[in-house]
PDB file of N, CA and C in Angstrom:
ATOM      1  N   ASN A   1       0.809  -1.206   0.000  1.00  0.00           N
ATOM      2  CA  ASN A   1       0.000   0.000   0.000  1.00  0.00           C
ATOM      3  C   ASN A   1       0.847   1.262   0.000  1.00  0.00           C
ATOM      4  N   TRP A   2       2.091   1.140  -0.416  1.00  0.00           N
ATOM      5  CA  TRP A   2       2.978   2.297  -0.443  1.00  0.00           C
ATOM      6  C   TRP A   2       2.885   2.958  -1.797  1.00  0.00           C
ATOM      7  N   TYR A   3       2.660   4.255  -1.802  1.00  0.00           N
ATOM      8  CA  TYR A   3       2.494   5.000  -3.042  1.00  0.00           C
ATOM      9  C   TYR A   3       3.468   6.177  -3.061  1.00  0.00           C
ATOM     10  N   GLY A   4       4.754   5.867  -3.240  1.00  0.00           N
ATOM     11  CA  GLY A   4       5.740   6.938  -3.313  1.00  0.00           C
ATOM     12  C   GLY A   4       5.802   7.786  -2.064  1.00  0.00           C
ATOM     13  N   GLY A   5       5.593   7.178  -0.910  1.00  0.00           N
ATOM     14  CA  GLY A   5       5.627   7.909   0.348  1.00  0.00           C
ATOM     15  C   GLY A   5       4.298   8.481   0.764  1.00  0.00           C
ATOM     16  N   ILE A   6       3.288   8.300  -0.053  1.00  0.00           N
ATOM     17  CA  ILE A   6       1.963   8.836   0.255  1.00  0.00           C
ATOM     18  C   ILE A   6       1.017   7.668   0.502  1.00  0.00           C
ATOM     19  N   SER A   7       0.303   7.727   1.588  1.00  0.00           N
ATOM     20  CA  SER A   7      -0.671   6.689   1.897  1.00  0.00           C
ATOM     21  C   SER A   7      -2.020   7.355   2.093  1.00  0.00           C
ATOM     22  N   PHE A   8      -3.052   6.656   1.705  1.00  0.00           N
ATOM     23  CA  PHE A   8      -4.389   7.209   1.848  1.00  0.00           C
ATOM     24  C   PHE A   8      -4.889   7.118   3.282  1.00  0.00           C
ATOM     25  N   GLU A   9      -4.310   6.245   4.076  1.00  0.00           N
ATOM     26  CA  GLU A   9      -4.735   6.078   5.456  1.00  0.00           C
ATOM     27  C   GLU A   9      -4.047   7.120   6.343  1.00  0.00           C
ATOM     28  N   PRO A  10      -4.814   7.949   7.039  1.00  0.00           N
ATOM     29  CA  PRO A  10      -4.196   8.965   7.909  1.00  0.00           C
ATOM     30  C   PRO A  10      -3.671   8.343   9.202  1.00  0.00           C
ATOM     31  N   TYR A  11      -2.696   9.024   9.804  1.00  0.00           N
ATOM     32  CA  TYR A  11      -2.198   8.600  11.110  1.00  0.00           C
ATOM     33  C   TYR A  11      -3.244   8.902  12.175  1.00  0.00           C
ATOM     34  N   ASP A  12      -3.261   8.085  13.210  1.00  0.00           N
ATOM     35  CA  ASP A  12      -4.153   8.291  14.342  1.00  0.00           C
ATOM     36  C   ASP A  12      -3.690   9.526  15.111  1.00  0.00           C
ATOM     37  N   ILE A  13      -4.615  10.203  15.743  1.00  0.00           N
ATOM     38  CA  ILE A  13      -4.299  11.423  16.488  1.00  0.00           C
ATOM     39  C   ILE A  13      -3.315  11.144  17.641  1.00  0.00           C
ATOM     40  N   GLN A  14      -3.283   9.920  18.140  1.00  0.00           N
ATOM     41  CA  GLN A  14      -2.364   9.557  19.222  1.00  0.00           C
ATOM     42  C   GLN A  14      -0.923   9.455  18.742  1.00  0.00           C
ATOM     43  N   PHE A  15      -0.714   9.343  17.439  1.00  0.00           N
ATOM     44  CA  PHE A  15       0.635   9.261  16.880  1.00  0.00           C
ATOM     45  C   PHE A  15       1.166  10.688  16.743  1.00  0.00           C
ATOM     46  N   ASN A  16       1.584  11.235  17.888  1.00  0.00           N
ATOM     47  CA  ASN A  16       2.004  12.626  17.941  1.00  0.00           C
ATOM     48  C   ASN A  16       3.479  12.723  18.371  1.00  0.00           C
ATOM     49  N   ASN A  17       3.986  13.935  18.469  1.00  0.00           N
ATOM     50  CA  ASN A  17       5.391  14.135  18.812  1.00  0.00           C
ATOM     51  C   ASN A  17       5.748  13.572  20.177  1.00  0.00           C
ATOM     52  N   ARG A  18       4.836  13.652  21.113  1.00  0.00           N
ATOM     53  CA  ARG A  18       5.095  13.107  22.455  1.00  0.00           C
ATOM     54  C   ARG A  18       5.326  11.594  22.400  1.00  0.00           C
ATOM     55  N   LEU A  19       4.464  10.891  21.679  1.00  0.00           N
ATOM     56  CA  LEU A  19       4.603   9.442  21.539  1.00  0.00           C
ATOM     57  C   LEU A  19       5.888   9.094  20.785  1.00  0.00           C
ATOM     58  N   LYS A  20       6.176   9.826  19.722  1.00  0.00           N
ATOM     59  CA  LYS A  20       7.399   9.568  18.948  1.00  0.00           C
ATOM     60  C   LYS A  20       8.639   9.746  19.810  1.00  0.00           C
ATOM     61  N   GLU A  21       8.668  10.790  20.619  1.00  0.00           N
ATOM     62  CA  GLU A  21       9.814  11.018  21.513  1.00  0.00           C
ATOM     63  C   GLU A  21       9.920   9.902  22.549  1.00  0.00           C
ATOM     64  N   GLN A  22       8.792   9.413  23.018  1.00  0.00           N
ATOM     65  CA  GLN A  22       8.787   8.305  23.982  1.00  0.00           C
ATOM     66  C   GLN A  22       9.442   7.068  23.362  1.00  0.00           C
ATOM     67  N   ILE A  23       9.128   6.787  22.109  1.00  0.00           N
ATOM     68  CA  ILE A  23       9.695   5.621  21.427  1.00  0.00           C
ATOM     69  C   ILE A  23      11.187   5.831  21.188  1.00  0.00           C
ATOM     70  N   ARG A  24      11.576   7.026  20.745  1.00  0.00           N
ATOM     71  CA  ARG A  24      13.004   7.304  20.534  1.00  0.00           C
ATOM     72  C   ARG A  24      13.780   7.136  21.837  1.00  0.00           C
ATOM     73  N   LYS A  25      13.225   7.651  22.922  1.00  0.00           N
ATOM     74  CA  LYS A  25      13.897   7.531  24.218  1.00  0.00           C
ATOM     75  C   LYS A  25      14.016   6.064  24.626  1.00  0.00           C
ATOM     76  N   ARG A  26      12.942   5.306  24.475  1.00  0.00           N
ATOM     77  CA  ARG A  26      12.973   3.873  24.790  1.00  0.00           C
ATOM     78  C   ARG A  26      14.086   3.168  24.010  1.00  0.00           C
ATOM     79  N   ASP A  27      14.243   3.572  22.751  1.00  0.00           N
ATOM     80  CA  ASP A  27      15.238   2.957  21.877  1.00  0.00           C
ATOM     81  C   ASP A  27      16.602   3.653  21.962  1.00  0.00           C
ATOM     82  N   GLN A  28      16.762   4.500  22.974  1.00  0.00           N
ATOM     83  CA  GLN A  28      18.018   5.209  23.249  1.00  0.00           C
ATOM     84  C   GLN A  28      18.487   6.048  22.061  1.00  0.00           C
ATOM     85  N   ASN A  29      17.523   6.596  21.326  1.00  0.00           N
ATOM     86  CA  ASN A  29      17.796   7.463  20.181  1.00  0.00           C
ATOM     87  C   ASN A  29      18.699   6.800  19.141  1.00  0.00           C
ATOM     88  N   ARG A  30      18.576   5.471  19.041  1.00  0.00           N
ATOM     89  CA  ARG A  30      19.350   4.712  18.056  1.00  0.00           C
ATOM     90  C   ARG A  30      18.408   3.983  17.107  1.00  0.00           C
ATOM     91  N   CYS A  31      18.780   3.988  15.846  1.00  0.00           N
ATOM     92  CA  CYS A  31      18.054   3.195  14.859  1.00  0.00           C
ATOM     93  C   CYS A  31      18.143   1.744  15.302  1.00  0.00           C
ATOM     94  N   GLN A  32      17.027   1.065  15.350  1.00  0.00           N
ATOM     95  CA  GLN A  32      16.997  -0.311  15.837  1.00  0.00           C
ATOM     96  C   GLN A  32      17.392  -1.325  14.766  1.00  0.00           C
ATOM     97  N   GLU A  33      17.815  -0.832  13.609  1.00  0.00           N
ATOM     98  CA  GLU A  33      18.325  -1.712  12.561  1.00  0.00           C
ATOM     99  C   GLU A  33      19.841  -1.543  12.411  1.00  0.00           C
ATOM    100  N   CYS A  34      20.310  -0.326  12.194  1.00  0.00           N
ATOM    101  CA  CYS A  34      21.754  -0.095  11.989  1.00  0.00           C
ATOM    102  C   CYS A  34      22.433   0.433  13.250  1.00  0.00           C
ATOM    103  N   PHE A  35      21.650   0.799  14.257  1.00  0.00           N
ATOM    104  CA  PHE A  35      22.095   1.247  15.577  1.00  0.00           C
ATOM    105  C   PHE A  35      22.859   2.571  15.569  1.00  0.00           C
ATOM    106  N   ARG A  36      22.705   3.341  14.504  1.00  0.00           N
ATOM    107  CA  ARG A  36      23.315   4.670  14.490  1.00  0.00           C
ATOM    108  C   ARG A  36      22.477   5.600  15.361  1.00  0.00           C
ATOM    109  N   HIS A  37      23.154   6.493  16.075  1.00  0.00           N
ATOM    110  CA  HIS A  37      22.490   7.455  16.958  1.00  0.00           C
ATOM    111  C   HIS A  37      21.969   8.624  16.125  1.00  0.00           C
ATOM    112  N   GLN A  38      20.841   9.178  16.537  1.00  0.00           N
ATOM    113  CA  GLN A  38      20.254  10.267  15.756  1.00  0.00           C
ATOM    114  C   GLN A  38      21.145  11.500  15.724  1.00  0.00           C
ATOM    115  N   GLU A  39      21.993  11.715  16.740  1.00  0.00           N
ATOM    116  CA  GLU A  39      22.932  12.842  16.691  1.00  0.00           C
ATOM    117  C   GLU A  39      23.947  12.643  15.569  1.00  0.00           C
ATOM    118  N   GLU A  40      24.396  11.426  15.392  1.00  0.00           N
ATOM    119  CA  GLU A  40      25.325  11.098  14.304  1.00  0.00           C
ATOM    120  C   GLU A  40      24.656  11.338  12.942  1.00  0.00           C
ATOM    121  N   LEU A  41      23.376  11.026  12.872  1.00  0.00           N
ATOM    122  CA  LEU A  41      22.618  11.171  11.635  1.00  0.00           C
ATOM    123  C   LEU A  41      22.194  12.612  11.371  1.00  0.00           C
ATOM    124  N   ARG A  42      22.239  13.431  12.425  1.00  0.00           N
ATOM    125  CA  ARG A  42      21.865  14.851  12.358  1.00  0.00           C
ATOM    126  C   ARG A  42      20.398  15.068  11.989  1.00  0.00           C
ATOM    127  N   ARG A  43      19.577  14.116  12.389  1.00  0.00           N
ATOM    128  CA  ARG A  43      18.129  14.259  12.229  1.00  0.00           C
ATOM    129  C   ARG A  43      17.442  13.260  13.145  1.00  0.00           C
ATOM    130  N   LYS A  44      16.226  13.590  13.520  1.00  0.00           N
ATOM    131  CA  LYS A  44      15.474  12.688  14.383  1.00  0.00           C
ATOM    132  C   LYS A  44      15.146  11.402  13.647  1.00  0.00           C
ATOM    133  N   LEU A  45      15.085  10.334  14.408  1.00  0.00           N
ATOM    134  CA  LEU A  45      14.716   9.044  13.848  1.00  0.00           C
ATOM    135  C   LEU A  45      13.229   9.012  13.525  1.00  0.00           C
ATOM    136  N   GLY A  46      12.882   8.281  12.508  1.00  0.00           N
ATOM    137  CA  GLY A  46      11.483   8.056  12.189  1.00  0.00           C
ATOM    138  C   GLY A  46      10.932   6.948  13.071  1.00  0.00           C
ATOM    139  N   ILE A  47       9.640   6.925  13.225  1.00  0.00           N
ATOM    140  CA  ILE A  47       8.985   5.872  14.005  1.00  0.00           C
ATOM    141  C   ILE A  47       8.165   5.020  13.038  1.00  0.00           C
ATOM    142  N   HIS A  48       8.487   3.742  13.038  1.00  0.00           N
ATOM    143  CA  HIS A  48       7.875   2.791  12.112  1.00  0.00           C
ATOM    144  C   HIS A  48       6.799   1.973  12.817  1.00  0.00           C
ATOM    145  N   HIS A  49       5.650   1.836  12.165  1.00  0.00           N
ATOM    146  CA  HIS A  49       4.584   0.942  12.629  1.00  0.00           C
ATOM    147  C   HIS A  49       4.904  -0.454  12.108  1.00  0.00           C
ATOM    148  N   ILE A  50       5.245  -1.348  12.977  1.00  0.00           N
ATOM    149  CA  ILE A  50       5.697  -2.686  12.591  1.00  0.00           C
ATOM    150  C   ILE A  50       4.654  -3.417  11.763  1.00  0.00           C
ATOM    151  N   ASP A  51       3.385  -3.291  12.129  1.00  0.00           N
ATOM    152  CA  ASP A  51       2.331  -3.990  11.386  1.00  0.00           C
ATOM    153  C   ASP A  51       1.751  -3.145  10.245  1.00  0.00           C
ATOM    154  N   TYR A  52       2.354  -1.974  10.006  1.00  0.00           N
ATOM    155  CA  TYR A  52       1.950  -1.060   8.926  1.00  0.00           C
ATOM    156  C   TYR A  52       0.562  -0.477   9.127  1.00  0.00           C
ATOM    157  N   ASN A  53      -0.009  -0.663  10.304  1.00  0.00           N
ATOM    158  CA  ASN A  53      -1.316  -0.104  10.624  1.00  0.00           C
ATOM    159  C   ASN A  53      -1.087   1.219  11.347  1.00  0.00           C
ATOM    160  N   LYS A  54      -1.362   2.323  10.678  1.00  0.00           N
ATOM    161  CA  LYS A  54      -1.115   3.652  11.241  1.00  0.00           C
ATOM    162  C   LYS A  54      -1.982   3.967  12.453  1.00  0.00           C
ATOM    163  N   LYS A  55      -2.976   3.167  12.703  1.00  0.00           N
ATOM    164  CA  LYS A  55      -3.842   3.399  13.862  1.00  0.00           C
ATOM    165  C   LYS A  55      -3.435   2.557  15.067  1.00  0.00           C
ATOM    166  N   ASN A  56      -2.514   1.630  14.881  1.00  0.00           N
ATOM    167  CA  ASN A  56      -2.048   0.775  15.975  1.00  0.00           C
ATOM    168  C   ASN A  56      -0.807   1.403  16.610  1.00  0.00           C
ATOM    169  N   ASN A  57      -1.026   2.176  17.663  1.00  0.00           N
ATOM    170  CA  ASN A  57       0.059   2.885  18.333  1.00  0.00           C
ATOM    171  C   ASN A  57       0.498   2.194  19.619  1.00  0.00           C
ATOM    172  N   ASN A  58       0.266   0.897  19.701  1.00  0.00           N
ATOM    173  CA  ASN A  58       0.767   0.113  20.820  1.00  0.00           C
ATOM    174  C   ASN A  58       2.286   0.243  20.835  1.00  0.00           C
ATOM    175  N   LEU A  59       2.869   0.431  22.011  1.00  0.00           N
ATOM    176  CA  LEU A  59       4.313   0.638  22.108  1.00  0.00           C
ATOM    177  C   LEU A  59       5.110  -0.506  21.497  1.00  0.00           C
ATOM    178  N   ASN A  60       4.587  -1.717  21.558  1.00  0.00           N
ATOM    179  CA  ASN A  60       5.278  -2.868  20.966  1.00  0.00           C
ATOM    180  C   ASN A  60       5.152  -2.911  19.452  1.00  0.00           C
ATOM    181  N   ASN A  61       4.352  -2.022  18.881  1.00  0.00           N
ATOM    182  CA  ASN A  61       4.183  -1.961  17.431  1.00  0.00           C
ATOM    183  C   ASN A  61       4.988  -0.817  16.816  1.00  0.00           C
ATOM    184  N   LEU A  62       5.710  -0.081  17.635  1.00  0.00           N
ATOM    185  CA  LEU A  62       6.463   1.082  17.159  1.00  0.00           C
ATOM    186  C   LEU A  62       7.942   0.879  17.409  1.00  0.00           C
ATOM    187  N   ILE A  63       8.761   1.282  16.429  1.00  0.00           N
ATOM    188  CA  ILE A  63      10.199   1.104  16.534  1.00  0.00           C
ATOM    189  C   ILE A  63      10.893   2.279  15.847  1.00  0.00           C
ATOM    190  N   SER A  64      12.018   2.713  16.404  1.00  0.00           N
ATOM    191  CA  SER A  64      12.784   3.822  15.848  1.00  0.00           C
ATOM    192  C   SER A  64      13.691   3.332  14.728  1.00  0.00           C
ATOM    193  N   LEU A  65      13.602   4.017  13.588  1.00  0.00           N
ATOM    194  CA  LEU A  65      14.450   3.677  12.449  1.00  0.00           C
ATOM    195  C   LEU A  65      14.957   4.954  11.786  1.00  0.00           C
ATOM    196  N   CYS A  66      16.192   4.907  11.291  1.00  0.00           N
ATOM    197  CA  CYS A  66      16.711   6.038  10.520  1.00  0.00           C
ATOM    198  C   CYS A  66      16.011   6.043   9.161  1.00  0.00           C
ATOM    199  N   MET A  67      16.174   7.111   8.440  1.00  0.00           N
ATOM    200  CA  MET A  67      15.487   7.252   7.164  1.00  0.00           C
ATOM    201  C   MET A  67      15.879   6.143   6.180  1.00  0.00           C
ATOM    202  N   THR A  68      17.160   5.780   6.150  1.00  0.00           N
ATOM    203  CA  THR A  68      17.621   4.737   5.231  1.00  0.00           C
ATOM    204  C   THR A  68      16.999   3.391   5.561  1.00  0.00           C
ATOM    205  N   CYS A  69      17.063   3.007   6.827  1.00  0.00           N
ATOM    206  CA  CYS A  69      16.494   1.716   7.240  1.00  0.00           C
ATOM    207  C   CYS A  69      14.977   1.712   7.109  1.00  0.00           C
ATOM    208  N   HIS A  70      14.351   2.852   7.425  1.00  0.00           N
ATOM    209  CA  HIS A  70      12.897   2.943   7.331  1.00  0.00           C
ATOM    210  C   HIS A  70      12.437   2.769   5.889  1.00  0.00           C
ATOM    211  N   SER A  71      13.180   3.330   4.951  1.00  0.00           N
ATOM    212  CA  SER A  71      12.777   3.218   3.549  1.00  0.00           C
ATOM    213  C   SER A  71      12.843   1.778   3.054  1.00  0.00           C
ATOM    214  N   GLN A  72      13.698   0.960   3.634  1.00  0.00           N
ATOM    215  CA  GLN A  72      13.810  -0.444   3.233  1.00  0.00           C
ATOM    216  C   GLN A  72      12.558  -1.241   3.598  1.00  0.00           C
ATOM    217  N   THR A  73      11.818  -0.778   4.598  1.00  0.00           N
ATOM    218  CA  THR A  73      10.643  -1.517   5.060  1.00  0.00           C
ATOM    219  C   THR A  73       9.467  -1.411   4.099  1.00  0.00           C
ATOM    220  N   ASN A  74       9.623  -0.620   3.036  1.00  0.00           N
ATOM    221  CA  ASN A  74       8.542  -0.494   2.053  1.00  0.00           C
ATOM    222  C   ASN A  74       8.511  -1.655   1.067  1.00  0.00           C
ATOM    223  N   PHE A  75       9.507  -2.512   1.130  1.00  0.00           N
ATOM    224  CA  PHE A  75       9.590  -3.675   0.252  1.00  0.00           C
ATOM    225  C   PHE A  75       9.590  -4.928   1.109  1.00  0.00           C
ATOM    226  N   ASN A  76       8.996  -5.998   0.627  1.00  0.00           N
ATOM    227  CA  ASN A  76       8.923  -7.260   1.380  1.00  0.00           C
ATOM    228  C   ASN A  76       8.324  -7.032   2.769  1.00  0.00           C
ATOM    229  N   ARG A  77       7.227  -6.354   2.803  1.00  0.00           N
ATOM    230  CA  ARG A  77       6.616  -5.940   4.076  1.00  0.00           C
ATOM    231  C   ARG A  77       6.379  -7.085   5.045  1.00  0.00           C
ATOM    232  N   GLU A  78       5.900  -8.201   4.551  1.00  0.00           N
ATOM    233  CA  GLU A  78       5.612  -9.318   5.452  1.00  0.00           C
ATOM    234  C   GLU A  78       6.887  -9.794   6.146  1.00  0.00           C
ATOM    235  N   ASP A  79       7.989  -9.841   5.429  1.00  0.00           N
ATOM    236  CA  ASP A  79       9.270 -10.240   6.023  1.00  0.00           C
ATOM    237  C   ASP A  79       9.692  -9.268   7.117  1.00  0.00           C
ATOM    238  N   TRP A  80       9.602  -7.957   6.828  1.00  0.00           N
ATOM    239  CA  TRP A  80       9.980  -6.952   7.831  1.00  0.00           C
ATOM    240  C   TRP A  80       9.053  -7.012   9.039  1.00  0.00           C
ATOM    241  N   GLN A  81       7.779  -7.211   8.790  1.00  0.00           N
ATOM    242  CA  GLN A  81       6.819  -7.271   9.889  1.00  0.00           C
ATOM    243  C   GLN A  81       7.174  -8.419  10.827  1.00  0.00           C
ATOM    244  N   ASN A  82       7.434  -9.584  10.294  1.00  0.00           N
ATOM    245  CA  ASN A  82       7.819 -10.733  11.122  1.00  0.00           C
ATOM    246  C   ASN A  82       9.144 -10.485  11.830  1.00  0.00           C
ATOM    247  N   TYR A  83      10.096  -9.914  11.117  1.00  0.00           N
ATOM    248  CA  TYR A  83      11.423  -9.640  11.675  1.00  0.00           C
ATOM    249  C   TYR A  83      11.330  -8.712  12.887  1.00  0.00           C
ATOM    250  N   TYR A  84      10.659  -7.569  12.720  1.00  0.00           N
ATOM    251  CA  TYR A  84      10.577  -6.611  13.826  1.00  0.00           C
ATOM    252  C   TYR A  84       9.654  -7.090  14.941  1.00  0.00           C
ATOM    253  N   LYS A  85       8.629  -7.817  14.610  1.00  0.00           N
ATOM    254  CA  LYS A  85       7.746  -8.379  15.640  1.00  0.00           C
ATOM    255  C   LYS A  85       8.553  -9.314  16.536  1.00  0.00           C
ATOM    256  N   ASN A  86       9.373 -10.175  15.933  1.00  0.00           N
ATOM    257  CA  ASN A  86      10.217 -11.085  16.718  1.00  0.00           C
ATOM    258  C   ASN A  86      11.248 -10.321  17.539  1.00  0.00           C
ATOM    259  N   ARG A  87      11.812  -9.267  16.988  1.00  0.00           N
ATOM    260  CA  ARG A  87      12.791  -8.471  17.726  1.00  0.00           C
ATOM    261  C   ARG A  87      12.154  -7.805  18.940  1.00  0.00           C
ATOM    262  N   MET A  88      10.940  -7.276  18.755  1.00  0.00           N
ATOM    263  CA  MET A  88      10.269  -6.604  19.866  1.00  0.00           C
ATOM    264  C   MET A  88       9.860  -7.605  20.934  1.00  0.00           C
ATOM    265  N   GLU A  89       9.440  -8.788  20.536  1.00  0.00           N
ATOM    266  CA  GLU A  89       9.063  -9.810  21.519  1.00  0.00           C
ATOM    267  C   GLU A  89      10.291 -10.205  22.328  1.00  0.00           C
ATOM    268  N   GLY A  90      11.440 -10.374  21.690  1.00  0.00           N
ATOM    269  CA  GLY A  90      12.675 -10.695  22.400  1.00  0.00           C
ATOM    270  C   GLY A  90      13.117  -9.568  23.300  1.00  0.00           C
ATOM    271  N   LYS A  91      12.929  -8.357  22.859  1.00  0.00           N
ATOM    272  CA  LYS A  91      13.328  -7.168  23.631  1.00  0.00           C
ATOM    273  C   LYS A  91      12.494  -7.033  24.898  1.00  0.00           C
ATOM    274  N   ASN A  92      11.248  -7.417  24.816  1.00  0.00           N
ATOM    275  CA  ASN A  92      10.340  -7.256  25.947  1.00  0.00           C
ATOM    276  C   ASN A  92      10.158  -8.523  26.765  1.00  0.00           C
ATOM    277  N   GLY A  93      10.943  -9.540  26.474  1.00  0.00           N
ATOM    278  CA  GLY A  93      10.953 -10.737  27.299  1.00  0.00           C
ATOM    279  C   GLY A  93       9.761 -11.653  27.133  1.00  0.00           C
ATOM    280  N   TYR A  94       9.101 -11.646  25.998  1.00  0.00           N
ATOM    281  CA  TYR A  94       7.959 -12.550  25.791  1.00  0.00           C
ATOM    282  C   TYR A  94       8.434 -13.959  25.558  1.00  0.00           C
TER     283      TYR A  94
END
């Protein structure tokens, strides 16, 4: 459902700057794929919805990614979804 960076589904009102900062802080301001710090990147990390559902703002469904790593998630979505879901489950001790 990716259309050149434009999606018809709007983000939920809860997906705001406060929530994004909470996720970045949880992830220690590091991309959870390449582990580069946002200061090194000179820009804030993006927050990725693991299940691609913009309305699912559960903390376990959100992960910090740099722009390069985030752009990779637009291809082979099912693979990325499983990959990050497993990473988050391991991170949270499930």
